[in-house]
């Protein structure tokens, strides 16, 4: 089996294929040791009834780079603060970067231990591949700009929603074991990214002052706006290459891993990847696109009302699952949203 792309989705597919007895080659155009600074990325844990940690165990994917995070607090534009109710972790944090304990390195090590050949600095024509895991095909819908630093502040996760700082998106601060990532996610006003990041850092410092050492700046695009296209011929497109992303919040790791697993099972069992993904993932992607359209119209006061509503729920997981899995909402609104997206990307 040949996989083009040695990121999270490609390596996940390689691990599952190798466990199933397949000979696997991964072609990755980047060098073997890219110099990426350490950071924390968030992984949502509310879109399915199964806990993300339990799913990793079920798939036999090494969970060492992931950490369940608590507490999680959400702040509105005026400083109003709410703690999210959690009967299980709402968010996992994945350690990313060049460290040996980071997600990409751990997956790569696990794949090699299973006999997977990883060819760095190499690629393959699309028609020769079985799985296509090359990331977004063009500049992404989201721009993630942030800093990673060392700090003495305690573990915490803070989400800040303020149109003045992150138009139609949000900012976040994740601190675990003295490593902190503070970032803003933007869907517009990209040229103001550095300015908005500076203002966001000042806002977080006003909330609770903290020390900063060994600071690194990073940025990157992700998640090209698209409607997931049914797989007809050629390699199976997974992760962002297939349009599998949460377009409301910009989360992508969970879908990257899930689609990698499903693609591997489809190849091992002569199954239909489109049927698998249509049942388990595409509905969530469509719901996130619908939610994104409404989120874009909201104001700071609308965001504050949403924060109050969700944070007042005793079983927030159940509410969010219904929010992402409502077939009635998808069937009623999806044609309008799909037409709008097609117009935007034309």
Protein backbone atom coordinates (compact mmCIF):
# COMPACT_ATOMS: atom_id res chain seq x y z
CA UNK A 1 0.00 0.00 0.00
CA UNK A 2 1.31 3.46 -0.89
CA UNK A 3 0.43 6.55 1.11
CA UNK A 4 1.36 10.06 0.00
CA UNK A 5 1.66 12.35 3.01
CA UNK A 6 3.37 11.55 6.30
CA UNK A 7 1.27 13.71 8.59
CA UNK A 8 -1.24 12.58 11.22
CA UNK A 9 -3.79 11.05 8.83
CA UNK A 10 -1.23 9.33 6.61
CA UNK A 11 0.69 7.82 9.52
CA UNK A 12 -2.52 6.69 11.22
CA UNK A 13 -3.59 4.89 8.06
CA UNK A 14 -0.13 3.34 7.77
CA UNK A 15 -0.27 2.00 11.36
CA UNK A 16 -3.69 0.40 10.89
CA UNK A 17 -2.72 -1.09 7.51
CA UNK A 18 0.51 -2.52 8.92
CA UNK A 19 -1.36 -4.06 11.85
CA UNK A 20 -3.63 -5.68 9.27
CA UNK A 21 -0.68 -7.33 7.57
CA UNK A 22 -0.16 -4.95 4.63
CA UNK A 23 3.22 -3.80 3.31
CA UNK A 24 3.12 -0.02 3.57
CA UNK A 25 5.22 2.79 2.10
CA UNK A 26 4.72 6.42 3.12
CA UNK A 27 6.00 9.18 0.84
CA UNK A 28 6.60 12.50 2.62
CA UNK A 29 8.11 15.47 0.78
CA UNK A 30 9.30 17.17 3.98
CA UNK A 31 12.68 16.33 5.57
CA UNK A 32 12.93 13.73 8.30
CA UNK A 33 13.58 16.26 11.07
CA UNK A 34 11.67 19.51 10.42
CA UNK A 35 12.50 22.29 12.91
CA UNK A 36 9.01 22.98 14.24
CA UNK A 37 8.70 24.62 17.69
CA UNK A 38 6.71 22.79 20.34
CA UNK A 39 3.05 23.67 20.74
CA UNK A 40 -0.29 22.33 21.99
CA UNK A 41 -3.13 21.66 19.54
CA UNK A 42 -6.70 21.09 20.73
CA UNK A 43 -8.78 18.01 19.91
CA UNK A 44 -12.54 18.15 20.48
CA UNK A 45 -14.16 15.39 22.53
CA UNK A 46 -17.89 16.00 22.13
CA UNK A 47 -18.79 15.06 18.56
CA UNK A 48 -19.34 11.37 19.34
CA UNK A 49 -20.59 9.37 22.31
CA UNK A 50 -17.26 7.58 22.59
CA UNK A 51 -14.43 9.28 24.42
CA UNK A 52 -11.49 10.17 22.19
CA UNK A 53 -9.05 8.43 24.52
CA UNK A 54 -11.12 5.25 24.36
CA UNK A 55 -11.17 5.44 20.55
CA UNK A 56 -7.37 5.72 20.42
CA UNK A 57 -7.14 2.58 22.56
CA UNK A 58 -9.65 0.80 20.30
CA UNK A 59 -7.60 1.74 17.23
CA UNK A 60 -4.30 0.81 18.98
CA UNK A 61 -2.94 4.31 18.36
CA UNK A 62 -0.35 5.46 20.91
CA UNK A 63 -2.10 8.00 23.16
CA UNK A 64 1.07 9.30 24.86
CA UNK A 65 1.06 12.71 23.06
CA UNK A 66 -2.53 13.45 24.16
CA UNK A 67 -3.56 14.99 27.46
CA UNK A 68 -7.08 15.38 28.82
CA UNK A 69 -7.32 19.01 29.96
CA UNK A 70 -9.26 20.55 32.79
CA UNK A 71 -10.39 23.09 33.82
CA UNK A 72 -11.66 24.81 30.68
CA UNK A 73 -13.03 28.34 30.96
CA UNK A 74 -14.67 30.49 28.31
CA UNK A 75 -14.57 34.27 28.36
CA UNK A 76 -16.76 36.69 26.44
CA UNK A 77 -15.73 40.06 25.01
CA UNK A 78 -16.64 41.92 28.22
CA UNK A 79 -14.65 39.63 30.51
CA UNK A 80 -17.60 37.50 31.60
CA UNK A 81 -16.19 34.09 32.51
CA UNK A 82 -17.80 30.65 32.61
CA UNK A 83 -16.33 27.26 33.49
CA UNK A 84 -17.42 24.47 31.18
CA UNK A 85 -19.23 21.60 32.86
CA UNK A 86 -17.42 18.30 32.18
CA UNK A 87 -18.56 14.78 32.92
CA UNK A 88 -15.65 13.65 30.77
CA UNK A 89 -12.88 15.77 29.18
CA UNK A 90 -14.31 18.24 26.66
CA UNK A 91 -10.91 18.80 25.11
CA UNK A 92 -7.73 16.83 24.67
CA UNK A 93 -4.45 18.58 23.94
CA UNK A 94 -1.98 17.08 21.47
CA UNK A 95 1.69 17.94 21.78
CA UNK A 96 3.09 18.91 18.37
CA UNK A 97 6.49 19.89 17.07
CA UNK A 98 9.94 18.37 16.70
CA UNK A 99 10.17 16.66 20.11
CA UNK A 100 10.43 12.90 20.39
CA UNK A 101 7.30 12.87 22.59
CA UNK A 102 5.21 14.87 20.09
CA UNK A 103 2.35 13.45 18.07
CA UNK A 104 4.04 13.21 14.66
CA UNK A 105 7.22 11.64 16.08
CA UNK A 106 5.27 9.11 18.17
CA UNK A 107 3.13 8.06 15.20
CA UNK A 108 6.21 7.79 13.00
CA UNK A 109 7.98 5.62 15.56
CA UNK A 110 4.93 3.39 15.98
CA UNK A 111 4.62 2.99 12.21
CA UNK A 112 8.27 2.03 11.79
CA UNK A 113 8.07 -0.50 14.60
CA UNK A 114 5.30 -2.18 12.61
CA UNK A 115 7.49 -2.35 9.49
CA UNK A 116 6.25 0.74 7.62
CA UNK A 117 8.78 2.30 5.24
CA UNK A 118 8.80 6.11 5.41
CA UNK A 119 10.52 7.89 2.52
CA UNK A 120 11.29 11.50 3.37
CA UNK A 121 12.01 14.00 0.62
CA UNK A 122 10.00 11.86 -1.79
CA UNK A 123 6.59 12.00 -3.38
CA UNK A 124 4.45 9.99 -5.77
CA UNK A 125 1.98 10.78 -8.53
CA UNK A 126 -1.58 10.80 -7.26
CA UNK A 127 -2.69 7.99 -9.57
CA UNK A 128 -0.02 5.71 -8.10
CA UNK A 129 -1.16 6.17 -4.51
CA UNK A 130 -3.70 4.20 -2.49
CA UNK A 131 -4.20 6.95 0.12
CA UNK A 132 -3.81 10.68 -0.45
CA UNK A 133 -2.94 12.51 2.79
CA UNK A 134 -1.23 15.69 1.60
CA UNK A 135 -3.21 18.23 3.61
CA UNK A 136 -5.19 21.14 2.21
CA UNK A 137 -4.85 21.58 -1.59
CA UNK A 138 -4.71 25.39 -1.42
CA UNK A 139 -4.45 28.23 1.06
CA UNK A 140 -6.58 27.36 4.02
CA UNK A 141 -9.78 28.89 5.31
CA UNK A 142 -8.23 29.37 8.76
CA UNK A 143 -5.08 31.23 9.71
CA UNK A 144 -3.66 30.08 13.05
CA UNK A 145 -1.17 32.58 14.49
CA UNK A 146 0.33 32.15 17.92
CA UNK A 147 3.23 31.90 20.29
CA UNK A 148 4.55 29.04 22.37
CA UNK A 149 6.51 29.72 25.55
CA UNK A 150 7.58 28.37 28.90
CA UNK A 151 5.79 29.63 31.99
CA UNK A 152 5.29 28.99 35.69
CA UNK A 153 1.51 29.39 35.54
CA UNK A 154 -0.63 26.34 36.42
CA UNK A 155 -2.30 24.06 33.89
CA UNK A 156 -5.35 25.69 32.35
CA UNK A 157 -7.28 26.14 29.12
CA UNK A 158 -8.95 29.47 28.36
CA UNK A 159 -11.05 30.26 25.29
CA UNK A 160 -11.68 33.92 24.46
CA UNK A 161 -14.40 35.00 22.02
CA UNK A 162 -14.22 38.64 20.98
CA UNK A 163 -14.94 40.06 17.53
CA UNK A 164 -12.49 42.88 18.13
CA UNK A 165 -9.59 40.47 18.61
CA UNK A 166 -10.53 37.45 16.49
CA UNK A 167 -13.18 38.37 13.91
CA UNK A 168 -15.59 35.45 13.41
CA UNK A 169 -13.27 33.09 15.27
CA UNK A 170 -11.67 32.79 18.72
CA UNK A 171 -8.44 32.83 20.73
CA UNK A 172 -7.14 30.21 23.12
CA UNK A 173 -4.51 29.64 25.78
CA UNK A 174 -3.39 26.11 26.68
CA UNK A 175 -0.94 25.56 29.53
CA UNK A 176 0.24 22.06 30.45
CA UNK A 177 3.37 21.20 32.43
CA UNK A 178 4.85 24.65 31.98
CA UNK A 179 4.51 24.65 28.18
CA UNK A 180 2.00 27.22 26.92
CA UNK A 181 0.44 27.94 23.54
CA UNK A 182 -1.45 31.19 23.02
CA UNK A 183 -3.01 31.64 19.59
CA UNK A 184 -5.71 33.29 17.57
CA UNK A 185 -7.71 31.64 14.82
CA UNK A 186 -8.76 33.94 11.98
CA UNK A 187 -11.04 33.52 8.98
CA UNK A 188 -10.49 37.07 7.72
CA UNK A 189 -8.31 40.17 8.23
CA UNK A 190 -5.21 38.01 7.79
CA UNK A 191 -2.97 41.04 7.26
CA UNK A 192 -3.75 42.20 10.80
CA UNK A 193 -2.73 38.86 12.32
CA UNK A 194 0.37 40.07 14.18
CA UNK A 195 -1.46 43.16 15.48
CA UNK A 196 -4.43 41.09 16.65
CA UNK A 197 -2.13 38.56 18.31
CA UNK A 198 -0.43 41.36 20.26
CA UNK A 199 -3.79 42.70 21.45
CA UNK A 200 -4.93 39.18 22.38
CA UNK A 201 -1.79 38.57 24.44
CA UNK A 202 -2.47 41.83 26.29
CA UNK A 203 -6.06 40.69 26.92
CA UNK A 204 -4.92 37.36 28.39
CA UNK A 205 -2.35 39.14 30.55
CA UNK A 206 -5.12 41.36 31.93
CA UNK A 207 -7.19 38.28 32.79
CA UNK A 208 -4.34 36.71 34.77
CA UNK A 209 -0.72 37.95 34.44
CA UNK A 210 1.86 35.30 33.63
CA UNK A 211 5.56 35.01 32.94
CA UNK A 212 6.89 34.09 29.49
CA UNK A 213 10.25 32.52 28.62
CA UNK A 214 11.72 30.95 25.48
CA UNK A 215 9.04 32.47 23.23
CA UNK A 216 8.52 31.19 19.68
CA UNK A 217 6.19 32.67 17.06
CA UNK A 218 4.38 30.41 14.61
CA UNK A 219 1.66 30.66 11.98
CA UNK A 220 0.02 28.51 9.37
CA UNK A 221 -3.02 28.11 7.17
CA UNK A 222 -5.33 25.12 7.35
CA UNK A 223 -8.68 23.80 6.26
CA UNK A 224 -9.45 24.95 2.72
CA UNK A 225 -13.17 25.69 2.54
CA UNK A 226 -14.83 22.87 0.62
CA UNK A 227 -17.67 20.41 0.64
CA UNK A 228 -16.45 16.81 1.21
CA UNK A 229 -16.40 15.22 -2.24
CA UNK A 230 -17.56 11.59 -2.60
CA UNK A 231 -14.73 9.17 -3.34
CA UNK A 232 -15.19 7.80 -6.85
CA UNK A 233 -11.82 6.86 -8.34
CA UNK A 234 -8.15 7.22 -7.53
CA UNK A 235 -6.64 7.22 -4.03
CA UNK A 236 -8.72 7.73 -0.91
CA UNK A 237 -8.34 11.33 0.29
CA UNK A 238 -8.10 11.57 4.08
CA UNK A 239 -7.79 14.38 6.60
CA UNK A 240 -7.72 17.90 5.20
CA UNK A 241 -7.01 16.52 1.71
CA UNK A 242 -10.57 15.18 1.72
CA UNK A 243 -12.11 18.28 3.30
CA UNK A 244 -12.58 16.60 6.69
CA UNK A 245 -12.37 19.36 9.29
CA UNK A 246 -14.50 21.11 11.86
CA UNK A 247 -15.19 24.38 10.04
CA UNK A 248 -16.74 26.04 13.06
CA UNK A 249 -13.74 25.79 15.39
CA UNK A 250 -10.95 24.72 13.05
CA UNK A 251 -10.27 21.38 14.75
CA UNK A 252 -8.73 18.80 12.44
CA UNK A 253 -6.73 16.19 14.35
CA UNK A 254 -9.68 13.99 15.29
CA UNK A 255 -10.97 13.82 11.71
CA UNK A 256 -7.42 13.26 10.45
CA UNK A 257 -7.03 10.20 12.66
CA UNK A 258 -10.58 8.93 12.08
CA UNK A 259 -10.40 9.15 8.28
CA UNK A 260 -6.97 7.48 8.31
CA UNK A 261 -8.44 4.57 10.30
CA UNK A 262 -11.49 4.29 8.02
CA UNK A 263 -9.39 4.41 4.85
CA UNK A 264 -7.17 1.61 6.14
CA UNK A 265 -10.16 -0.56 7.06
CA UNK A 266 -11.72 0.06 3.64
CA UNK A 267 -8.54 -1.13 1.91
CA UNK A 268 -7.98 -4.11 4.22
CA UNK A 269 -11.58 -5.32 4.06
CA UNK A 270 -12.36 -4.34 0.44
CA UNK A 271 -14.92 -2.00 1.93
CA UNK A 272 -16.47 1.23 0.71
CA UNK A 273 -14.69 4.22 2.26
CA UNK A 274 -17.46 6.56 1.14
CA UNK A 275 -20.07 4.54 3.01
CA UNK A 276 -17.95 4.48 6.16
CA UNK A 277 -17.14 8.18 6.13
CA UNK A 278 -20.71 9.15 5.19
CA UNK A 279 -21.97 7.40 8.28
CA UNK A 280 -19.34 8.52 10.79
CA UNK A 281 -17.72 11.80 9.70
CA UNK A 282 -19.31 13.66 6.78
CA UNK A 283 -22.46 14.56 8.78
CA UNK A 284 -20.30 16.27 11.40
CA UNK A 285 -18.38 18.17 8.73
CA UNK A 286 -21.62 19.35 7.16
CA UNK A 287 -23.01 20.43 10.52
CA UNK A 288 -19.83 22.39 11.22
CA UNK A 289 -20.22 24.20 7.88
CA UNK A 290 -23.84 25.05 8.73
CA UNK A 291 -22.79 26.27 12.18
CA UNK A 292 -20.01 28.33 10.59
CA UNK A 293 -22.49 30.21 8.38
CA UNK A 294 -24.56 31.25 11.40
CA UNK A 295 -21.49 31.98 13.54
CA UNK A 296 -20.27 34.44 10.89
CA UNK A 297 -23.45 36.49 11.33
CA UNK A 298 -23.27 36.69 15.12
CA UNK A 299 -22.11 39.68 17.14
CA UNK A 300 -20.23 39.81 20.42
CA UNK A 301 -23.56 39.88 22.23
CA UNK A 302 -24.70 36.84 20.27
CA UNK A 303 -21.51 35.00 21.21
CA UNK A 304 -22.03 35.89 24.85
CA UNK A 305 -25.59 34.54 24.72
CA UNK A 306 -24.30 31.27 23.21
CA UNK A 307 -21.63 30.98 25.90
CA UNK A 308 -24.22 31.48 28.63
CA UNK A 309 -26.54 28.91 27.06
CA UNK A 310 -23.94 26.17 26.65
CA UNK A 311 -22.20 26.75 29.97
CA UNK A 312 -25.52 26.54 31.84
CA UNK A 313 -26.13 22.98 30.59
CA UNK A 314 -25.47 20.24 33.13
CA UNK A 315 -24.67 17.67 30.45
CA UNK A 316 -22.79 19.77 27.90
CA UNK A 317 -21.54 16.73 26.03
CA UNK A 318 -25.08 15.58 25.25
CA UNK A 319 -26.08 19.09 24.12
CA UNK A 320 -23.06 19.43 21.83
CA UNK A 321 -23.58 15.96 20.38
CA UNK A 322 -27.16 16.86 19.47
CA UNK A 323 -25.86 20.12 18.04
CA UNK A 324 -23.54 18.19 15.71
CA UNK A 325 -25.78 15.23 14.89
CA UNK A 326 -29.19 16.77 14.18
CA UNK A 327 -30.35 15.23 10.90
CA UNK A 328 -33.33 17.55 10.73
CA UNK A 329 -31.14 20.66 10.79
CA UNK A 330 -28.73 19.24 8.21
CA UNK A 331 -31.45 18.21 5.77
CA UNK A 332 -33.18 21.58 6.02
CA UNK A 333 -30.17 23.88 5.81
CA UNK A 334 -27.50 21.94 3.95
CA UNK A 335 -28.64 22.75 0.35
CA UNK A 336 -28.46 26.49 1.10
CA UNK A 337 -25.04 26.20 2.79
CA UNK A 338 -23.63 23.99 0.01
CA UNK A 339 -24.67 26.51 -2.64
CA UNK A 340 -23.09 29.30 -0.62
CA UNK A 341 -19.80 27.41 -0.26
CA UNK A 342 -19.71 26.56 -3.96
CA UNK A 343 -20.12 30.28 -4.70
CA UNK A 344 -17.37 31.25 -2.25
CA UNK A 345 -14.78 28.85 -3.71
CA UNK A 346 -15.68 29.43 -7.35
